[in-house]
């Protein structure tokens, strides 16, 4: 009974974080729905940043209570930072190669890809760069790594199939059941590996944040 209760609490906490992670986007859609597009980025950015940082603060607080940040200092050794940057470069180019392969062989689920891309672009287009940075480089990495890495391992244990499940689920959430999933796998594998090797959440958050920042600077 105690085992079931502890697992139920983990699931509930992960689900709560997932719902929490959607609030800034829902709020932004609400602001955009009033039809007044004049100066919309200037109007949307300050309240979005405040809400997003509040969500991040709650997420970090929950993570601290769960022990996810106990070893955060390990992430900032120069050897680890060098490792993270090296893995970032390798992952970025592998992902580009995989996406190019999928595109050249017409394997993309075009309707899903267009819909997903439009959602991302719509969100980012209604924010100034500081808001975009908070959304892509702070909010998403902290929430997603907490849910798909830390809580997954806390729920299923430090096992090889937890690694596989985390990789698959992260990719699936971003792509659905389609060939698109291959485009997310390199990043998913890299993030899960970084967390799996010593279960330091700030390692995978750092890699995720740097990767998303690259996309923000060079893609969007």
N, C-alpha and C. Protein backbone atom coordinates (compact mmCIF):
# COMPACT_ATOMS: atom_id res chain seq x y z
N UNK A 1 0.83 -1.21 0.00
CA UNK A 1 0.00 0.00 0.00
C UNK A 1 0.87 1.26 0.00
N UNK A 2 1.92 1.24 0.80
CA UNK A 2 2.83 2.38 0.86
C UNK A 2 3.52 2.59 -0.48
N UNK A 3 3.87 1.47 -1.16
CA UNK A 3 4.51 1.55 -2.47
C UNK A 3 3.58 2.19 -3.49
N UNK A 4 2.32 1.76 -3.49
CA UNK A 4 1.33 2.30 -4.42
C UNK A 4 1.10 3.79 -4.16
N UNK A 5 1.04 4.15 -2.89
CA UNK A 5 0.83 5.56 -2.53
C UNK A 5 1.99 6.43 -3.00
N UNK A 6 3.22 5.95 -2.81
CA UNK A 6 4.39 6.74 -3.22
C UNK A 6 4.44 6.92 -4.73
N UNK A 7 4.11 5.86 -5.47
CA UNK A 7 4.09 5.94 -6.93
C UNK A 7 2.97 6.86 -7.41
N UNK A 8 1.84 6.81 -6.72
CA UNK A 8 0.70 7.67 -7.08
C UNK A 8 1.06 9.14 -6.88
N UNK A 9 1.79 9.43 -5.82
CA UNK A 9 2.22 10.81 -5.55
C UNK A 9 3.16 11.29 -6.65
N UNK A 10 4.07 10.42 -7.09
CA UNK A 10 5.00 10.77 -8.16
C UNK A 10 4.24 11.08 -9.45
N UNK A 11 3.28 10.22 -9.80
CA UNK A 11 2.48 10.42 -11.01
C UNK A 11 1.69 11.73 -10.91
N UNK A 12 1.09 11.97 -9.74
CA UNK A 12 0.30 13.19 -9.54
C UNK A 12 1.17 14.43 -9.66
N UNK A 13 2.38 14.38 -9.10
CA UNK A 13 3.29 15.53 -9.17
C UNK A 13 3.73 15.79 -10.61
N UNK A 14 4.03 14.71 -11.35
CA UNK A 14 4.44 14.85 -12.75
C UNK A 14 3.30 15.42 -13.59
N UNK A 15 2.08 14.93 -13.35
CA UNK A 15 0.92 15.42 -14.08
C UNK A 15 0.65 16.89 -13.75
N UNK A 16 0.83 17.24 -12.47
CA UNK A 16 0.65 18.63 -12.06
C UNK A 16 1.63 19.55 -12.78
N UNK A 17 2.88 19.11 -12.90
CA UNK A 17 3.88 19.90 -13.61
C UNK A 17 3.54 20.03 -15.09
N UNK A 18 3.01 18.94 -15.66
CA UNK A 18 2.61 18.99 -17.07
C UNK A 18 1.51 20.03 -17.28
N UNK A 19 0.50 20.02 -16.43
CA UNK A 19 -0.58 21.01 -16.52
C UNK A 19 -0.02 22.41 -16.32
N UNK A 20 0.87 22.53 -15.35
CA UNK A 20 1.48 23.83 -15.04
C UNK A 20 2.27 24.35 -16.24
N UNK A 21 2.94 23.45 -16.94
CA UNK A 21 3.77 23.85 -18.09
C UNK A 21 2.94 24.43 -19.23
N UNK A 22 1.65 24.08 -19.27
CA UNK A 22 0.78 24.56 -20.34
C UNK A 22 0.17 25.94 -20.04
N UNK A 23 0.22 26.36 -18.80
CA UNK A 23 -0.44 27.61 -18.41
C UNK A 23 0.08 28.84 -19.17
N UNK A 24 1.40 29.03 -19.30
CA UNK A 24 1.87 30.21 -20.03
C UNK A 24 1.39 30.26 -21.48
N UNK A 25 1.33 29.08 -22.13
CA UNK A 25 0.87 29.03 -23.52
C UNK A 25 -0.62 29.33 -23.60
N UNK A 26 -1.40 28.74 -22.69
CA UNK A 26 -2.84 29.01 -22.65
C UNK A 26 -3.09 30.49 -22.38
N UNK A 27 -2.33 31.05 -21.46
CA UNK A 27 -2.45 32.47 -21.14
C UNK A 27 -2.13 33.34 -22.34
N UNK A 28 -1.08 32.96 -23.07
CA UNK A 28 -0.68 33.72 -24.26
C UNK A 28 -1.76 33.64 -25.33
N UNK A 29 -2.33 32.46 -25.52
CA UNK A 29 -3.43 32.31 -26.49
C UNK A 29 -4.63 33.17 -26.09
N UNK A 30 -4.88 33.27 -24.79
CA UNK A 30 -5.97 34.11 -24.31
C UNK A 30 -5.70 35.58 -24.62
N UNK A 31 -4.47 36.02 -24.41
CA UNK A 31 -4.12 37.41 -24.73
C UNK A 31 -4.25 37.69 -26.22
N UNK A 32 -3.89 36.69 -27.04
CA UNK A 32 -3.94 36.86 -28.50
C UNK A 32 -5.37 36.85 -29.03
N UNK A 33 -6.30 36.29 -28.26
CA UNK A 33 -7.66 36.09 -28.76
C UNK A 33 -8.52 37.34 -28.72
N UNK A 34 -8.01 38.43 -28.11
CA UNK A 34 -8.85 39.63 -28.01
C UNK A 34 -8.92 40.42 -29.31
N UNK A 35 -8.10 40.03 -30.30
CA UNK A 35 -8.20 40.63 -31.63
C UNK A 35 -7.41 41.91 -31.81
N UNK A 36 -6.88 42.46 -30.74
CA UNK A 36 -6.09 43.69 -30.83
C UNK A 36 -4.63 43.31 -31.06
N UNK A 37 -4.19 43.39 -32.30
CA UNK A 37 -2.84 42.95 -32.64
C UNK A 37 -1.82 44.08 -32.64
N UNK A 38 -2.27 45.31 -32.41
CA UNK A 38 -1.34 46.44 -32.43
C UNK A 38 -0.43 46.38 -31.20
N UNK A 39 0.86 46.32 -31.45
CA UNK A 39 1.83 46.27 -30.36
C UNK A 39 1.68 45.05 -29.48
N UNK A 40 1.21 43.95 -30.09
CA UNK A 40 0.86 42.77 -29.29
C UNK A 40 2.06 42.19 -28.55
N UNK A 41 3.24 42.21 -29.19
CA UNK A 41 4.43 41.64 -28.55
C UNK A 41 4.81 42.42 -27.30
N UNK A 42 4.65 43.75 -27.36
CA UNK A 42 4.98 44.59 -26.21
C UNK A 42 3.99 44.37 -25.07
N UNK A 43 2.74 44.09 -25.43
CA UNK A 43 1.71 43.85 -24.41
C UNK A 43 1.84 42.46 -23.79
N UNK A 44 2.16 41.48 -24.61
CA UNK A 44 2.17 40.09 -24.15
C UNK A 44 3.41 39.71 -23.34
N UNK A 45 4.54 40.27 -23.72
CA UNK A 45 5.81 39.80 -23.16
C UNK A 45 5.94 39.94 -21.65
N UNK A 46 5.66 41.13 -21.05
CA UNK A 46 5.85 41.24 -19.59
C UNK A 46 4.99 40.26 -18.78
N UNK A 47 3.65 40.18 -19.02
CA UNK A 47 2.88 39.22 -18.22
C UNK A 47 3.26 37.77 -18.49
N UNK A 48 3.65 37.47 -19.73
CA UNK A 48 4.07 36.10 -20.05
C UNK A 48 5.32 35.73 -19.27
N UNK A 49 6.30 36.63 -19.23
CA UNK A 49 7.54 36.36 -18.50
C UNK A 49 7.26 36.16 -17.02
N UNK A 50 6.40 37.00 -16.45
CA UNK A 50 6.07 36.88 -15.03
C UNK A 50 5.44 35.52 -14.74
N UNK A 51 4.46 35.12 -15.57
CA UNK A 51 3.78 33.84 -15.36
C UNK A 51 4.74 32.68 -15.58
N UNK A 52 5.55 32.76 -16.63
CA UNK A 52 6.49 31.68 -16.94
C UNK A 52 7.50 31.50 -15.81
N UNK A 53 8.02 32.59 -15.29
CA UNK A 53 9.00 32.50 -14.20
C UNK A 53 8.35 31.99 -12.91
N UNK A 54 7.07 32.32 -12.72
CA UNK A 54 6.34 31.78 -11.56
C UNK A 54 6.20 30.27 -11.68
N UNK A 55 5.89 29.80 -12.89
CA UNK A 55 5.77 28.36 -13.15
C UNK A 55 7.12 27.68 -12.93
N UNK A 56 8.18 28.29 -13.42
CA UNK A 56 9.54 27.75 -13.25
C UNK A 56 9.89 27.66 -11.76
N UNK A 57 9.55 28.70 -11.01
CA UNK A 57 9.84 28.72 -9.57
C UNK A 57 9.13 27.58 -8.85
N UNK A 58 7.86 27.36 -9.19
CA UNK A 58 7.10 26.26 -8.58
C UNK A 58 7.72 24.92 -8.95
N UNK A 59 8.11 24.79 -10.22
CA UNK A 59 8.72 23.55 -10.69
C UNK A 59 10.03 23.26 -9.95
N UNK A 60 10.86 24.28 -9.79
CA UNK A 60 12.13 24.10 -9.08
C UNK A 60 11.88 23.76 -7.61
N UNK A 61 10.89 24.41 -7.01
CA UNK A 61 10.55 24.13 -5.61
C UNK A 61 10.14 22.67 -5.43
N UNK A 62 9.29 22.18 -6.34
CA UNK A 62 8.88 20.77 -6.29
C UNK A 62 10.09 19.87 -6.51
N UNK A 63 10.95 20.25 -7.46
CA UNK A 63 12.15 19.46 -7.72
C UNK A 63 13.07 19.39 -6.53
N UNK A 64 13.22 20.49 -5.81
CA UNK A 64 14.06 20.51 -4.60
C UNK A 64 13.48 19.58 -3.55
N UNK A 65 12.15 19.63 -3.38
CA UNK A 65 11.49 18.77 -2.40
C UNK A 65 11.66 17.29 -2.76
N UNK A 66 11.73 17.00 -4.07
CA UNK A 66 11.89 15.62 -4.53
C UNK A 66 13.35 15.19 -4.58
N UNK A 67 14.26 16.12 -4.31
CA UNK A 67 15.68 15.79 -4.32
C UNK A 67 16.34 15.84 -5.68
N UNK A 68 15.68 16.44 -6.67
CA UNK A 68 16.22 16.47 -8.04
C UNK A 68 17.45 17.37 -8.17
N UNK A 69 17.60 18.34 -7.27
CA UNK A 69 18.68 19.32 -7.40
C UNK A 69 19.77 19.15 -6.33
N UNK A 70 19.81 17.99 -5.71
CA UNK A 70 20.78 17.78 -4.63
C UNK A 70 22.23 17.93 -5.10
N UNK A 71 22.50 17.51 -6.33
CA UNK A 71 23.87 17.51 -6.84
C UNK A 71 24.09 18.54 -7.95
N UNK A 72 23.36 19.64 -7.89
CA UNK A 72 23.41 20.61 -8.99
C UNK A 72 24.81 21.20 -9.19
N UNK A 73 25.61 21.25 -8.13
CA UNK A 73 26.96 21.84 -8.26
C UNK A 73 27.84 21.04 -9.22
N UNK A 74 27.56 19.75 -9.35
CA UNK A 74 28.36 18.91 -10.25
C UNK A 74 28.25 19.36 -11.70
N UNK A 75 27.15 20.02 -12.04
CA UNK A 75 26.93 20.43 -13.43
C UNK A 75 27.89 21.53 -13.87
N UNK A 76 28.47 22.24 -12.91
CA UNK A 76 29.23 23.44 -13.26
C UNK A 76 30.74 23.25 -13.15
N UNK A 77 31.18 22.00 -13.11
CA UNK A 77 32.62 21.75 -13.21
C UNK A 77 33.03 21.96 -14.66
N UNK A 78 34.26 22.39 -14.89
CA UNK A 78 34.67 22.71 -16.27
C UNK A 78 34.67 21.47 -17.15
N UNK A 79 34.97 20.30 -16.57
CA UNK A 79 34.95 19.07 -17.36
C UNK A 79 33.54 18.74 -17.83
N UNK A 80 32.58 18.93 -16.94
CA UNK A 80 31.19 18.64 -17.32
C UNK A 80 30.68 19.63 -18.35
N UNK A 81 31.01 20.90 -18.19
CA UNK A 81 30.58 21.92 -19.15
C UNK A 81 31.18 21.64 -20.52
N UNK A 82 32.44 21.23 -20.55
CA UNK A 82 33.08 20.87 -21.82
C UNK A 82 32.38 19.67 -22.45
N UNK A 83 32.02 18.69 -21.62
CA UNK A 83 31.30 17.51 -22.10
C UNK A 83 29.94 17.90 -22.68
N UNK A 84 29.22 18.76 -21.96
CA UNK A 84 27.89 19.19 -22.40
C UNK A 84 27.98 19.92 -23.74
N UNK A 85 28.94 20.82 -23.88
CA UNK A 85 29.10 21.56 -25.13
C UNK A 85 29.49 20.64 -26.28
N UNK A 86 30.34 19.66 -26.02
CA UNK A 86 30.73 18.70 -27.06
C UNK A 86 29.53 17.89 -27.51
N UNK A 87 28.74 17.42 -26.54
CA UNK A 87 27.55 16.64 -26.86
C UNK A 87 26.52 17.49 -27.58
N UNK A 88 26.43 18.76 -27.21
CA UNK A 88 25.52 19.69 -27.87
C UNK A 88 25.83 19.79 -29.36
N UNK A 89 27.09 19.98 -29.69
CA UNK A 89 27.50 20.12 -31.09
C UNK A 89 27.21 18.84 -31.87
N UNK A 90 27.57 17.70 -31.29
CA UNK A 90 27.33 16.41 -31.95
C UNK A 90 25.83 16.19 -32.16
N UNK A 91 25.05 16.43 -31.12
CA UNK A 91 23.60 16.23 -31.20
C UNK A 91 22.96 17.14 -32.23
N UNK A 92 23.39 18.40 -32.26
CA UNK A 92 22.82 19.37 -33.19
C UNK A 92 23.01 18.93 -34.63
N UNK A 93 24.21 18.46 -34.97
CA UNK A 93 24.49 18.06 -36.35
C UNK A 93 23.84 16.71 -36.70
N UNK A 94 23.79 15.80 -35.74
CA UNK A 94 23.10 14.52 -35.99
C UNK A 94 21.62 14.77 -36.23
N UNK A 95 21.04 15.64 -35.41
CA UNK A 95 19.62 15.94 -35.57
C UNK A 95 19.35 16.60 -36.93
N UNK A 96 20.22 17.50 -37.34
CA UNK A 96 20.07 18.14 -38.64
C UNK A 96 20.16 17.10 -39.76
N UNK A 97 21.07 16.15 -39.63
CA UNK A 97 21.23 15.09 -40.63
C UNK A 97 19.98 14.23 -40.70
N UNK A 98 19.44 13.84 -39.54
CA UNK A 98 18.24 12.99 -39.50
C UNK A 98 17.05 13.72 -40.11
N UNK A 99 16.88 14.99 -39.74
CA UNK A 99 15.77 15.78 -40.29
C UNK A 99 15.90 15.91 -41.80
N UNK A 100 17.13 16.14 -42.28
CA UNK A 100 17.37 16.24 -43.72
C UNK A 100 17.05 14.92 -44.41
N UNK A 101 17.40 13.81 -43.79
CA UNK A 101 17.11 12.48 -44.35
C UNK A 101 15.60 12.26 -44.46
N UNK A 102 14.88 12.60 -43.39
CA UNK A 102 13.42 12.43 -43.38
C UNK A 102 12.78 13.31 -44.45
N UNK A 103 13.26 14.54 -44.55
CA UNK A 103 12.71 15.48 -45.52
C UNK A 103 12.97 15.03 -46.95
N UNK A 104 14.20 14.60 -47.22
CA UNK A 104 14.57 14.20 -48.58
C UNK A 104 13.86 12.93 -49.04
N UNK A 105 13.42 12.12 -48.08
CA UNK A 105 12.70 10.89 -48.42
C UNK A 105 11.18 11.04 -48.24
N UNK A 106 10.75 12.28 -48.04
CA UNK A 106 9.31 12.59 -47.92
C UNK A 106 8.62 11.74 -46.86
N UNK A 107 9.27 11.59 -45.71
CA UNK A 107 8.71 10.77 -44.64
C UNK A 107 7.96 11.59 -43.60
N UNK A 108 8.05 12.91 -43.72
CA UNK A 108 7.39 13.75 -42.74
C UNK A 108 5.87 13.60 -42.81
N UNK A 109 5.25 13.67 -41.63
CA UNK A 109 3.81 13.85 -41.54
C UNK A 109 3.58 15.35 -41.73
N UNK A 110 3.36 15.73 -42.96
CA UNK A 110 3.36 17.16 -43.31
C UNK A 110 2.32 17.94 -42.52
N UNK A 111 1.10 17.39 -42.40
CA UNK A 111 0.04 18.12 -41.71
C UNK A 111 0.40 18.35 -40.25
N UNK A 112 0.97 17.30 -39.62
CA UNK A 112 1.36 17.47 -38.21
C UNK A 112 2.51 18.46 -38.09
N UNK A 113 3.49 18.32 -38.98
CA UNK A 113 4.67 19.18 -38.92
C UNK A 113 4.28 20.64 -39.11
N UNK A 114 3.39 20.91 -40.06
CA UNK A 114 2.95 22.28 -40.31
C UNK A 114 2.18 22.81 -39.11
N UNK A 115 1.28 21.98 -38.56
CA UNK A 115 0.49 22.40 -37.41
C UNK A 115 1.38 22.70 -36.22
N UNK A 116 2.31 21.80 -35.93
CA UNK A 116 3.22 21.98 -34.80
C UNK A 116 4.10 23.20 -35.00
N UNK A 117 4.62 23.36 -36.21
CA UNK A 117 5.49 24.50 -36.50
C UNK A 117 4.73 25.81 -36.39
N UNK A 118 3.48 25.82 -36.87
CA UNK A 118 2.67 27.03 -36.79
C UNK A 118 2.39 27.41 -35.34
N UNK A 119 2.14 26.41 -34.50
CA UNK A 119 1.89 26.68 -33.08
C UNK A 119 3.10 27.34 -32.44
N UNK A 120 4.27 26.77 -32.71
CA UNK A 120 5.51 27.31 -32.14
C UNK A 120 5.76 28.72 -32.65
N UNK A 121 5.61 28.91 -33.97
CA UNK A 121 5.87 30.22 -34.57
C UNK A 121 4.87 31.26 -34.08
N UNK A 122 3.61 30.86 -33.91
CA UNK A 122 2.60 31.80 -33.42
C UNK A 122 2.91 32.25 -32.00
N UNK A 123 3.34 31.29 -31.18
CA UNK A 123 3.69 31.62 -29.80
C UNK A 123 4.86 32.59 -29.77
N UNK A 124 5.90 32.26 -30.53
CA UNK A 124 7.11 33.08 -30.50
C UNK A 124 6.91 34.44 -31.17
N UNK A 125 6.06 34.48 -32.21
CA UNK A 125 5.87 35.73 -32.94
C UNK A 125 5.12 36.78 -32.13
N UNK A 126 4.38 36.35 -31.11
CA UNK A 126 3.64 37.31 -30.30
C UNK A 126 4.40 37.70 -29.04
N UNK A 127 5.71 37.41 -29.02
CA UNK A 127 6.56 37.77 -27.89
C UNK A 127 7.81 38.48 -28.39
N UNK A 128 8.32 39.39 -27.58
CA UNK A 128 9.63 39.97 -27.85
C UNK A 128 10.70 38.93 -27.51
N UNK A 129 11.94 39.21 -27.92
CA UNK A 129 13.01 38.22 -27.71
C UNK A 129 13.16 37.78 -26.25
N UNK A 130 13.08 38.68 -25.26
CA UNK A 130 13.19 38.21 -23.87
C UNK A 130 12.12 37.18 -23.51
N UNK A 131 10.90 37.37 -24.02
CA UNK A 131 9.84 36.40 -23.78
C UNK A 131 10.10 35.09 -24.50
N UNK A 132 10.60 35.18 -25.73
CA UNK A 132 10.95 33.98 -26.48
C UNK A 132 12.04 33.19 -25.76
N UNK A 133 13.03 33.91 -25.25
CA UNK A 133 14.14 33.25 -24.54
C UNK A 133 13.65 32.54 -23.29
N UNK A 134 12.79 33.20 -22.53
CA UNK A 134 12.25 32.59 -21.31
C UNK A 134 11.45 31.34 -21.65
N UNK A 135 10.64 31.42 -22.72
CA UNK A 135 9.81 30.28 -23.11
C UNK A 135 10.64 29.10 -23.58
N UNK A 136 11.60 29.37 -24.46
CA UNK A 136 12.35 28.30 -25.13
C UNK A 136 13.54 27.81 -24.32
N UNK A 137 14.25 28.73 -23.69
CA UNK A 137 15.53 28.38 -23.06
C UNK A 137 15.46 28.18 -21.55
N UNK A 138 14.36 28.59 -20.92
CA UNK A 138 14.23 28.43 -19.47
C UNK A 138 13.03 27.56 -19.11
N UNK A 139 11.84 27.99 -19.54
CA UNK A 139 10.61 27.28 -19.17
C UNK A 139 10.60 25.85 -19.69
N UNK A 140 10.76 25.69 -20.99
CA UNK A 140 10.67 24.35 -21.60
C UNK A 140 11.71 23.37 -21.05
N UNK A 141 12.99 23.73 -21.00
CA UNK A 141 13.98 22.77 -20.48
C UNK A 141 13.73 22.33 -19.04
N UNK A 142 13.42 23.28 -18.16
CA UNK A 142 13.24 22.94 -16.75
C UNK A 142 12.00 22.06 -16.55
N UNK A 143 10.89 22.44 -17.17
CA UNK A 143 9.66 21.66 -17.00
C UNK A 143 9.77 20.29 -17.67
N UNK A 144 10.26 20.26 -18.90
CA UNK A 144 10.31 19.00 -19.64
C UNK A 144 11.32 18.03 -19.04
N UNK A 145 12.47 18.52 -18.61
CA UNK A 145 13.45 17.62 -17.99
C UNK A 145 12.96 17.11 -16.64
N UNK A 146 12.25 17.94 -15.91
CA UNK A 146 11.68 17.49 -14.64
C UNK A 146 10.67 16.37 -14.86
N UNK A 147 9.84 16.53 -15.89
CA UNK A 147 8.78 15.55 -16.15
C UNK A 147 9.33 14.29 -16.81
N UNK A 148 10.02 14.45 -17.95
CA UNK A 148 10.39 13.31 -18.79
C UNK A 148 11.69 12.62 -18.38
N UNK A 149 12.46 13.24 -17.51
CA UNK A 149 13.67 12.59 -17.03
C UNK A 149 13.56 12.30 -15.53
N UNK A 150 13.52 13.33 -14.71
CA UNK A 150 13.58 13.12 -13.26
C UNK A 150 12.41 12.29 -12.73
N UNK A 151 11.19 12.67 -13.12
CA UNK A 151 10.03 11.93 -12.62
C UNK A 151 9.92 10.54 -13.23
N UNK A 152 10.34 10.38 -14.49
CA UNK A 152 10.34 9.05 -15.11
C UNK A 152 11.25 8.10 -14.34
N UNK A 153 12.44 8.56 -14.02
CA UNK A 153 13.39 7.71 -13.29
C UNK A 153 12.94 7.48 -11.85
N UNK A 154 12.31 8.47 -11.26
CA UNK A 154 11.80 8.30 -9.89
C UNK A 154 10.65 7.30 -9.86
N UNK A 155 9.87 7.28 -10.95
CA UNK A 155 8.73 6.38 -11.02
C UNK A 155 9.13 4.95 -11.37
N UNK A 156 10.01 4.80 -12.37
CA UNK A 156 10.33 3.46 -12.89
C UNK A 156 11.67 2.91 -12.42
N UNK A 157 12.50 3.75 -11.81
CA UNK A 157 13.78 3.27 -11.31
C UNK A 157 14.90 3.43 -12.32
N UNK A 158 16.11 3.19 -11.84
CA UNK A 158 17.32 3.37 -12.65
C UNK A 158 17.57 2.11 -13.46
N UNK A 159 16.82 1.93 -14.56
CA UNK A 159 16.88 0.72 -15.37
C UNK A 159 17.06 1.10 -16.84
N UNK A 160 17.53 0.13 -17.64
CA UNK A 160 17.77 0.40 -19.05
C UNK A 160 16.47 0.71 -19.78
N UNK A 161 15.39 0.02 -19.38
CA UNK A 161 14.13 0.27 -20.09
C UNK A 161 13.51 1.61 -19.69
N UNK A 162 13.91 2.16 -18.56
CA UNK A 162 13.49 3.52 -18.22
C UNK A 162 14.13 4.51 -19.19
N UNK A 163 15.39 4.24 -19.53
CA UNK A 163 16.09 5.05 -20.53
C UNK A 163 15.33 5.04 -21.85
N UNK A 164 14.95 3.84 -22.32
CA UNK A 164 14.24 3.69 -23.59
C UNK A 164 12.88 4.38 -23.52
N UNK A 165 12.17 4.17 -22.42
CA UNK A 165 10.84 4.74 -22.26
C UNK A 165 10.89 6.26 -22.24
N UNK A 166 11.87 6.81 -21.56
CA UNK A 166 12.02 8.27 -21.49
C UNK A 166 12.31 8.85 -22.87
N UNK A 167 13.22 8.19 -23.60
CA UNK A 167 13.55 8.65 -24.97
C UNK A 167 12.31 8.63 -25.86
N UNK A 168 11.59 7.52 -25.82
CA UNK A 168 10.42 7.37 -26.69
C UNK A 168 9.33 8.37 -26.32
N UNK A 169 9.03 8.49 -25.04
CA UNK A 169 7.90 9.31 -24.63
C UNK A 169 8.15 10.78 -24.93
N UNK A 170 9.37 11.26 -24.69
CA UNK A 170 9.71 12.65 -25.01
C UNK A 170 9.54 12.91 -26.50
N UNK A 171 10.02 11.98 -27.33
CA UNK A 171 9.92 12.14 -28.78
C UNK A 171 8.47 12.07 -29.23
N UNK A 172 7.71 11.14 -28.64
CA UNK A 172 6.31 10.96 -29.02
C UNK A 172 5.49 12.20 -28.71
N UNK A 173 5.70 12.78 -27.54
CA UNK A 173 4.94 13.97 -27.14
C UNK A 173 5.14 15.11 -28.14
N UNK A 174 6.33 15.19 -28.72
CA UNK A 174 6.63 16.25 -29.67
C UNK A 174 6.26 15.91 -31.12
N UNK A 175 5.99 14.64 -31.40
CA UNK A 175 5.79 14.26 -32.81
C UNK A 175 4.56 13.41 -33.08
N UNK A 176 4.08 12.65 -32.08
CA UNK A 176 3.01 11.70 -32.34
C UNK A 176 3.55 10.46 -33.02
N UNK A 177 2.63 9.56 -33.40
CA UNK A 177 3.05 8.33 -34.08
C UNK A 177 3.25 8.63 -35.57
N UNK A 178 4.46 8.98 -35.92
CA UNK A 178 4.79 9.28 -37.31
C UNK A 178 6.30 9.21 -37.47
N UNK A 179 6.77 9.34 -38.72
CA UNK A 179 8.21 9.37 -38.96
C UNK A 179 8.87 10.58 -38.32
N UNK A 180 8.07 11.58 -37.98
CA UNK A 180 8.60 12.77 -37.32
C UNK A 180 9.36 12.43 -36.04
N UNK A 181 8.98 11.32 -35.44
CA UNK A 181 9.58 10.93 -34.16
C UNK A 181 11.10 10.75 -34.29
N UNK A 182 11.54 10.35 -35.49
CA UNK A 182 12.98 10.16 -35.72
C UNK A 182 13.74 11.47 -35.62
N UNK A 183 13.07 12.57 -35.98
CA UNK A 183 13.71 13.87 -35.92
C UNK A 183 13.97 14.35 -34.50
N UNK A 184 13.21 13.81 -33.54
CA UNK A 184 13.39 14.20 -32.15
C UNK A 184 14.25 13.23 -31.36
N UNK A 185 14.48 12.03 -31.91
CA UNK A 185 15.21 11.00 -31.18
C UNK A 185 16.65 11.38 -30.81
N UNK A 186 17.44 11.98 -31.72
CA UNK A 186 18.82 12.31 -31.33
C UNK A 186 18.89 13.19 -30.09
N UNK A 187 18.06 14.23 -30.05
CA UNK A 187 18.05 15.10 -28.88
C UNK A 187 17.55 14.35 -27.65
N UNK A 188 16.49 13.56 -27.83
CA UNK A 188 15.92 12.80 -26.72
C UNK A 188 16.93 11.83 -26.13
N UNK A 189 17.65 11.13 -27.00
CA UNK A 189 18.68 10.18 -26.54
C UNK A 189 19.79 10.91 -25.80
N UNK A 190 20.23 12.04 -26.34
CA UNK A 190 21.30 12.82 -25.70
C UNK A 190 20.88 13.32 -24.32
N UNK A 191 19.67 13.86 -24.23
CA UNK A 191 19.18 14.37 -22.95
C UNK A 191 19.03 13.26 -21.92
N UNK A 192 18.48 12.13 -22.36
CA UNK A 192 18.29 11.01 -21.44
C UNK A 192 19.62 10.42 -21.00
N UNK A 193 20.56 10.34 -21.94
CA UNK A 193 21.89 9.82 -21.60
C UNK A 193 22.57 10.71 -20.56
N UNK A 194 22.49 12.02 -20.77
CA UNK A 194 23.12 12.96 -19.84
C UNK A 194 22.54 12.80 -18.44
N UNK A 195 21.22 12.59 -18.36
CA UNK A 195 20.62 12.39 -17.04
C UNK A 195 20.92 11.00 -16.49
N UNK A 196 20.88 9.99 -17.34
CA UNK A 196 21.03 8.60 -16.92
C UNK A 196 22.42 8.33 -16.35
N UNK A 197 23.43 8.99 -16.87
CA UNK A 197 24.81 8.66 -16.49
C UNK A 197 25.11 8.94 -15.02
N UNK A 198 24.42 9.93 -14.41
CA UNK A 198 24.65 10.18 -12.98
C UNK A 198 23.45 10.82 -12.28
N UNK A 199 22.33 10.91 -12.99
CA UNK A 199 21.07 11.42 -12.44
C UNK A 199 21.20 12.80 -11.81
N UNK A 200 21.86 13.69 -12.53
CA UNK A 200 21.94 15.10 -12.13
C UNK A 200 21.05 15.89 -13.08
N UNK A 201 19.91 16.35 -12.59
CA UNK A 201 18.91 16.98 -13.44
C UNK A 201 19.44 18.23 -14.13
N UNK A 202 20.27 19.00 -13.45
CA UNK A 202 20.78 20.23 -14.06
C UNK A 202 21.67 19.95 -15.27
N UNK A 203 22.22 18.74 -15.38
CA UNK A 203 22.98 18.38 -16.58
C UNK A 203 22.09 18.39 -17.82
N UNK A 204 20.96 17.68 -17.73
CA UNK A 204 20.06 17.60 -18.89
C UNK A 204 19.36 18.92 -19.14
N UNK A 205 19.07 19.67 -18.07
CA UNK A 205 18.48 21.01 -18.24
C UNK A 205 19.44 21.92 -19.00
N UNK A 206 20.71 21.86 -18.64
CA UNK A 206 21.73 22.70 -19.30
C UNK A 206 21.84 22.36 -20.77
N UNK A 207 21.91 21.06 -21.10
CA UNK A 207 22.00 20.65 -22.50
C UNK A 207 20.75 21.06 -23.27
N UNK A 208 19.59 20.84 -22.68
CA UNK A 208 18.32 21.17 -23.32
C UNK A 208 18.21 22.68 -23.56
N UNK A 209 18.61 23.46 -22.58
CA UNK A 209 18.55 24.91 -22.69
C UNK A 209 19.47 25.43 -23.78
N UNK A 210 20.68 24.91 -23.83
CA UNK A 210 21.64 25.33 -24.86
C UNK A 210 21.15 24.95 -26.25
N UNK A 211 20.59 23.75 -26.38
CA UNK A 211 20.08 23.30 -27.68
C UNK A 211 18.93 24.19 -28.14
N UNK A 212 17.98 24.46 -27.26
CA UNK A 212 16.84 25.30 -27.62
C UNK A 212 17.28 26.72 -27.95
N UNK A 213 18.30 27.21 -27.27
CA UNK A 213 18.82 28.54 -27.55
C UNK A 213 19.42 28.60 -28.95
N UNK A 214 20.12 27.55 -29.35
CA UNK A 214 20.64 27.47 -30.71
C UNK A 214 19.51 27.54 -31.73
N UNK A 215 18.44 26.79 -31.47
CA UNK A 215 17.29 26.82 -32.39
C UNK A 215 16.67 28.21 -32.44
N UNK A 216 16.56 28.84 -31.28
CA UNK A 216 15.97 30.18 -31.22
C UNK A 216 16.79 31.17 -32.03
N UNK A 217 18.11 31.06 -31.96
CA UNK A 217 18.99 32.01 -32.64
C UNK A 217 19.11 31.75 -34.13
N UNK A 218 19.09 30.47 -34.53
CA UNK A 218 19.39 30.14 -35.92
C UNK A 218 18.19 29.65 -36.74
N UNK A 219 17.11 29.27 -36.07
CA UNK A 219 15.93 28.76 -36.80
C UNK A 219 14.80 29.76 -36.76
N UNK A 220 14.48 30.26 -35.57
CA UNK A 220 13.37 31.19 -35.45
C UNK A 220 13.86 32.62 -35.56
